[in-house]
Amino acid sequence: MRQRENLRRETIKRETEAAVRESGLRLSPQDRAQFESRYVQERQKVERTLRQQIEAERQKELPALIQQLKKEFQIDQPAKSPAMKPPGSPNSKK
């Protein structure tokens, strides 16, 4: 997990540097640090918003998925009578 976090930080660092280059701005070291800080903050906001949107979409889709799977698995299962005990139950070998 630590390795994944280090990789994520390295990716953000590279993308932050790329954003500074792409902006075309000539920044003092202090302004560059401030630009990078704001970039990371705003990026986190964007990522948080996207995660929330994805989660909301997932929650909307899950009930239909569950119903679809329920139908598929009900068809695949043989009908069981409630009075019948399943074969091999622990109580049947007395």
N, C-alpha and C. Protein backbone atom coordinates (compact mmCIF):
# COMPACT_ATOMS: atom_id res chain seq x y z
N MET A 1 0.83 -1.18 0.00
CA MET A 1 0.00 0.00 0.00
C MET A 1 0.89 1.26 0.00
N ARG A 2 1.97 1.20 0.71
CA ARG A 2 2.89 2.34 0.75
C ARG A 2 3.45 2.61 -0.65
N GLN A 3 3.75 1.53 -1.37
CA GLN A 3 4.29 1.67 -2.72
C GLN A 3 3.26 2.33 -3.64
N ARG A 4 2.00 1.94 -3.49
CA ARG A 4 0.94 2.53 -4.30
C ARG A 4 0.80 4.03 -4.00
N GLU A 5 0.89 4.40 -2.74
CA GLU A 5 0.80 5.81 -2.35
C GLU A 5 1.99 6.59 -2.92
N ASN A 6 3.17 6.02 -2.86
CA ASN A 6 4.35 6.68 -3.43
C ASN A 6 4.21 6.86 -4.94
N LEU A 7 3.67 5.87 -5.60
CA LEU A 7 3.45 5.96 -7.03
C LEU A 7 2.44 7.04 -7.35
N ARG A 8 1.36 7.12 -6.56
CA ARG A 8 0.34 8.15 -6.76
C ARG A 8 0.95 9.54 -6.59
N ARG A 9 1.77 9.72 -5.54
CA ARG A 9 2.40 11.03 -5.30
C ARG A 9 3.34 11.40 -6.44
N GLU A 10 4.09 10.43 -6.92
CA GLU A 10 5.02 10.68 -8.02
C GLU A 10 4.24 11.06 -9.29
N THR A 11 3.14 10.41 -9.54
CA THR A 11 2.30 10.74 -10.70
C THR A 11 1.77 12.16 -10.58
N ILE A 12 1.28 12.52 -9.41
CA ILE A 12 0.76 13.88 -9.20
C ILE A 12 1.88 14.90 -9.37
N LYS A 13 3.05 14.59 -8.87
CA LYS A 13 4.19 15.51 -9.01
C LYS A 13 4.52 15.74 -10.48
N ARG A 14 4.59 14.66 -11.27
CA ARG A 14 4.88 14.78 -12.70
C ARG A 14 3.79 15.59 -13.41
N GLU A 15 2.54 15.32 -13.07
CA GLU A 15 1.44 16.03 -13.72
C GLU A 15 1.39 17.50 -13.30
N THR A 16 1.79 17.77 -12.07
CA THR A 16 1.86 19.16 -11.60
C THR A 16 2.93 19.92 -12.37
N GLU A 17 4.08 19.29 -12.53
CA GLU A 17 5.16 19.92 -13.30
C GLU A 17 4.74 20.13 -14.74
N ALA A 18 4.03 19.18 -15.30
CA ALA A 18 3.53 19.32 -16.67
C ALA A 18 2.54 20.48 -16.76
N ALA A 19 1.70 20.65 -15.75
CA ALA A 19 0.72 21.75 -15.75
C ALA A 19 1.43 23.09 -15.73
N VAL A 20 2.51 23.19 -14.96
CA VAL A 20 3.28 24.44 -14.92
C VAL A 20 3.87 24.71 -16.30
N ARG A 21 4.45 23.68 -16.92
CA ARG A 21 5.03 23.85 -18.26
C ARG A 21 3.97 24.25 -19.28
N GLU A 22 2.83 23.56 -19.25
CA GLU A 22 1.76 23.81 -20.22
C GLU A 22 1.15 25.20 -20.05
N SER A 23 1.21 25.72 -18.83
CA SER A 23 0.64 27.05 -18.60
C SER A 23 1.43 28.12 -19.33
N GLY A 24 2.71 27.85 -19.58
CA GLY A 24 3.54 28.83 -20.27
C GLY A 24 3.97 29.98 -19.39
N LEU A 25 3.65 29.91 -18.11
CA LEU A 25 4.00 31.00 -17.19
C LEU A 25 5.47 30.90 -16.77
N ARG A 26 6.07 32.06 -16.61
CA ARG A 26 7.42 32.14 -16.05
C ARG A 26 7.24 32.58 -14.60
N LEU A 27 7.42 31.64 -13.70
CA LEU A 27 7.11 31.90 -12.29
C LEU A 27 8.36 31.91 -11.44
N SER A 28 8.33 32.77 -10.43
CA SER A 28 9.39 32.75 -9.44
C SER A 28 9.24 31.47 -8.63
N PRO A 29 10.26 31.04 -7.96
CA PRO A 29 10.14 29.81 -7.15
C PRO A 29 8.97 29.86 -6.16
N GLN A 30 8.74 31.03 -5.57
CA GLN A 30 7.62 31.17 -4.62
C GLN A 30 6.28 31.03 -5.35
N ASP A 31 6.14 31.70 -6.49
CA ASP A 31 4.90 31.62 -7.25
C ASP A 31 4.69 30.20 -7.81
N ARG A 32 5.78 29.57 -8.21
CA ARG A 32 5.69 28.20 -8.73
C ARG A 32 5.17 27.26 -7.64
N ALA A 33 5.69 27.41 -6.43
CA ALA A 33 5.26 26.58 -5.30
C ALA A 33 3.78 26.82 -5.01
N GLN A 34 3.36 28.09 -5.10
CA GLN A 34 1.95 28.41 -4.87
C GLN A 34 1.08 27.84 -5.98
N PHE A 35 1.53 27.95 -7.23
CA PHE A 35 0.80 27.38 -8.36
C PHE A 35 0.64 25.88 -8.18
N GLU A 36 1.73 25.19 -7.84
CA GLU A 36 1.69 23.73 -7.64
C GLU A 36 0.74 23.36 -6.51
N SER A 37 0.79 24.12 -5.44
CA SER A 37 -0.10 23.85 -4.30
C SER A 37 -1.57 23.98 -4.71
N ARG A 38 -1.89 25.06 -5.40
CA ARG A 38 -3.27 25.27 -5.85
C ARG A 38 -3.69 24.20 -6.85
N TYR A 39 -2.78 23.80 -7.73
CA TYR A 39 -3.08 22.76 -8.70
C TYR A 39 -3.47 21.48 -7.97
N VAL A 40 -2.69 21.10 -6.98
CA VAL A 40 -2.97 19.87 -6.23
C VAL A 40 -4.31 19.99 -5.51
N GLN A 41 -4.58 21.15 -4.89
CA GLN A 41 -5.85 21.34 -4.19
C GLN A 41 -7.04 21.23 -5.15
N GLU A 42 -6.94 21.91 -6.26
CA GLU A 42 -8.05 21.89 -7.22
C GLU A 42 -8.21 20.52 -7.85
N ARG A 43 -7.10 19.86 -8.08
CA ARG A 43 -7.16 18.50 -8.63
C ARG A 43 -7.87 17.57 -7.65
N GLN A 44 -7.58 17.70 -6.36
CA GLN A 44 -8.24 16.87 -5.36
C GLN A 44 -9.74 17.13 -5.35
N LYS A 45 -10.14 18.39 -5.52
CA LYS A 45 -11.57 18.71 -5.58
C LYS A 45 -12.22 18.02 -6.78
N VAL A 46 -11.56 18.09 -7.93
CA VAL A 46 -12.09 17.47 -9.14
C VAL A 46 -12.21 15.96 -8.93
N GLU A 47 -11.18 15.35 -8.39
CA GLU A 47 -11.20 13.90 -8.17
C GLU A 47 -12.28 13.51 -7.17
N ARG A 48 -12.46 14.30 -6.12
CA ARG A 48 -13.51 14.01 -5.13
C ARG A 48 -14.89 14.10 -5.78
N THR A 49 -15.10 15.14 -6.60
CA THR A 49 -16.38 15.30 -7.29
C THR A 49 -16.64 14.12 -8.22
N LEU A 50 -15.62 13.71 -8.95
CA LEU A 50 -15.78 12.56 -9.85
C LEU A 50 -16.09 11.28 -9.08
N ARG A 51 -15.40 11.07 -7.96
CA ARG A 51 -15.69 9.87 -7.14
C ARG A 51 -17.14 9.88 -6.65
N GLN A 52 -17.61 11.05 -6.23
CA GLN A 52 -19.00 11.16 -5.75
C GLN A 52 -19.98 10.88 -6.89
N GLN A 53 -19.69 11.39 -8.08
CA GLN A 53 -20.56 11.15 -9.22
C GLN A 53 -20.59 9.66 -9.59
N ILE A 54 -19.42 9.05 -9.57
CA ILE A 54 -19.35 7.62 -9.89
C ILE A 54 -20.11 6.81 -8.85
N GLU A 55 -19.94 7.15 -7.57
CA GLU A 55 -20.63 6.41 -6.51
C GLU A 55 -22.15 6.59 -6.63
N ALA A 56 -22.60 7.79 -6.94
CA ALA A 56 -24.04 8.04 -7.11
C ALA A 56 -24.58 7.21 -8.28
N GLU A 57 -23.84 7.18 -9.37
CA GLU A 57 -24.25 6.39 -10.53
C GLU A 57 -24.28 4.90 -10.19
N ARG A 58 -23.27 4.45 -9.45
CA ARG A 58 -23.22 3.04 -9.04
C ARG A 58 -24.45 2.70 -8.18
N GLN A 59 -24.78 3.56 -7.25
CA GLN A 59 -25.92 3.29 -6.37
C GLN A 59 -27.22 3.24 -7.17
N LYS A 60 -27.33 4.03 -8.24
CA LYS A 60 -28.53 3.99 -9.07
C LYS A 60 -28.60 2.69 -9.87
N GLU A 61 -27.46 2.18 -10.28
CA GLU A 61 -27.41 0.99 -11.14
C GLU A 61 -27.52 -0.32 -10.35
N LEU A 62 -27.10 -0.35 -9.11
CA LEU A 62 -27.05 -1.60 -8.35
C LEU A 62 -28.39 -2.31 -8.19
N PRO A 63 -29.48 -1.62 -7.88
CA PRO A 63 -30.75 -2.35 -7.73
C PRO A 63 -31.14 -3.12 -8.99
N ALA A 64 -30.96 -2.53 -10.16
CA ALA A 64 -31.29 -3.23 -11.41
C ALA A 64 -30.37 -4.42 -11.61
N LEU A 65 -29.11 -4.26 -11.27
CA LEU A 65 -28.15 -5.36 -11.39
C LEU A 65 -28.55 -6.51 -10.46
N ILE A 66 -28.90 -6.18 -9.24
CA ILE A 66 -29.30 -7.20 -8.28
C ILE A 66 -30.55 -7.93 -8.77
N GLN A 67 -31.51 -7.21 -9.30
CA GLN A 67 -32.72 -7.84 -9.81
C GLN A 67 -32.41 -8.76 -10.99
N GLN A 68 -31.55 -8.32 -11.87
CA GLN A 68 -31.16 -9.13 -13.01
C GLN A 68 -30.50 -10.43 -12.55
N LEU A 69 -29.57 -10.31 -11.62
CA LEU A 69 -28.88 -11.50 -11.11
C LEU A 69 -29.85 -12.42 -10.36
N LYS A 70 -30.76 -11.81 -9.62
CA LYS A 70 -31.75 -12.60 -8.89
C LYS A 70 -32.58 -13.45 -9.86
N LYS A 71 -33.00 -12.84 -10.96
CA LYS A 71 -33.78 -13.58 -11.96
C LYS A 71 -32.94 -14.70 -12.58
N GLU A 72 -31.70 -14.39 -12.93
CA GLU A 72 -30.84 -15.41 -13.53
C GLU A 72 -30.61 -16.59 -12.60
N PHE A 73 -30.35 -16.30 -11.35
CA PHE A 73 -30.04 -17.37 -10.41
C PHE A 73 -31.28 -18.13 -9.98
N GLN A 74 -32.44 -17.49 -9.99
CA GLN A 74 -33.68 -18.21 -9.67
C GLN A 74 -33.99 -19.21 -10.78
N ILE A 75 -33.71 -18.86 -12.00
CA ILE A 75 -33.94 -19.76 -13.13
C ILE A 75 -33.00 -20.95 -13.04
N ASP A 76 -31.75 -20.71 -12.68
CA ASP A 76 -30.73 -21.76 -12.62
C ASP A 76 -30.93 -22.74 -11.47
N GLN A 77 -31.60 -22.31 -10.39
CA GLN A 77 -31.76 -23.18 -9.23
C GLN A 77 -32.98 -24.07 -9.40
N PRO A 78 -32.85 -25.36 -9.06
CA PRO A 78 -34.04 -26.22 -9.09
C PRO A 78 -34.99 -25.81 -7.98
N ALA A 79 -36.27 -25.96 -8.23
CA ALA A 79 -37.26 -25.58 -7.22
C ALA A 79 -37.13 -26.52 -6.03
N LYS A 80 -37.06 -25.95 -4.84
CA LYS A 80 -36.94 -26.75 -3.61
C LYS A 80 -38.24 -26.65 -2.83
N SER A 81 -38.69 -27.77 -2.40
CA SER A 81 -39.88 -27.80 -1.56
C SER A 81 -39.44 -27.50 -0.14
N PRO A 82 -40.16 -26.65 0.59
CA PRO A 82 -39.76 -26.33 1.96
C PRO A 82 -39.82 -27.55 2.89
N ALA A 83 -40.62 -28.56 2.56
CA ALA A 83 -40.75 -29.74 3.42
C ALA A 83 -39.57 -30.69 3.24
N MET A 84 -38.90 -30.62 2.11
CA MET A 84 -37.78 -31.52 1.85
C MET A 84 -36.51 -31.00 2.49
N LYS A 85 -35.75 -31.93 3.12
CA LYS A 85 -34.46 -31.56 3.66
C LYS A 85 -33.42 -31.73 2.56
N PRO A 86 -32.45 -30.85 2.49
CA PRO A 86 -31.43 -31.01 1.47
C PRO A 86 -30.59 -32.24 1.75
N PRO A 87 -30.17 -32.96 0.72
CA PRO A 87 -29.38 -34.17 0.94
C PRO A 87 -28.03 -33.78 1.57
N GLY A 88 -27.59 -34.68 2.46
CA GLY A 88 -26.31 -34.48 3.09
C GLY A 88 -26.31 -33.51 4.24
N SER A 89 -27.51 -33.18 4.77
CA SER A 89 -27.52 -32.26 5.90
C SER A 89 -27.00 -33.01 7.13
N PRO A 90 -26.38 -32.33 8.07
CA PRO A 90 -25.78 -32.99 9.23
C PRO A 90 -26.79 -33.80 10.06
N ASN A 91 -28.05 -33.42 10.09
CA ASN A 91 -29.03 -34.12 10.91
C ASN A 91 -29.52 -35.41 10.26
N SER A 92 -29.29 -35.62 8.98
CA SER A 92 -29.83 -36.80 8.32
C SER A 92 -28.97 -38.04 8.55
N LYS A 93 -27.81 -37.92 9.16
CA LYS A 93 -26.93 -39.07 9.38
C LYS A 93 -26.88 -39.44 10.86
N LYS A 94 -28.00 -39.81 11.45
CA LYS A 94 -28.02 -40.17 12.87
C LYS A 94 -27.84 -41.62 13.08
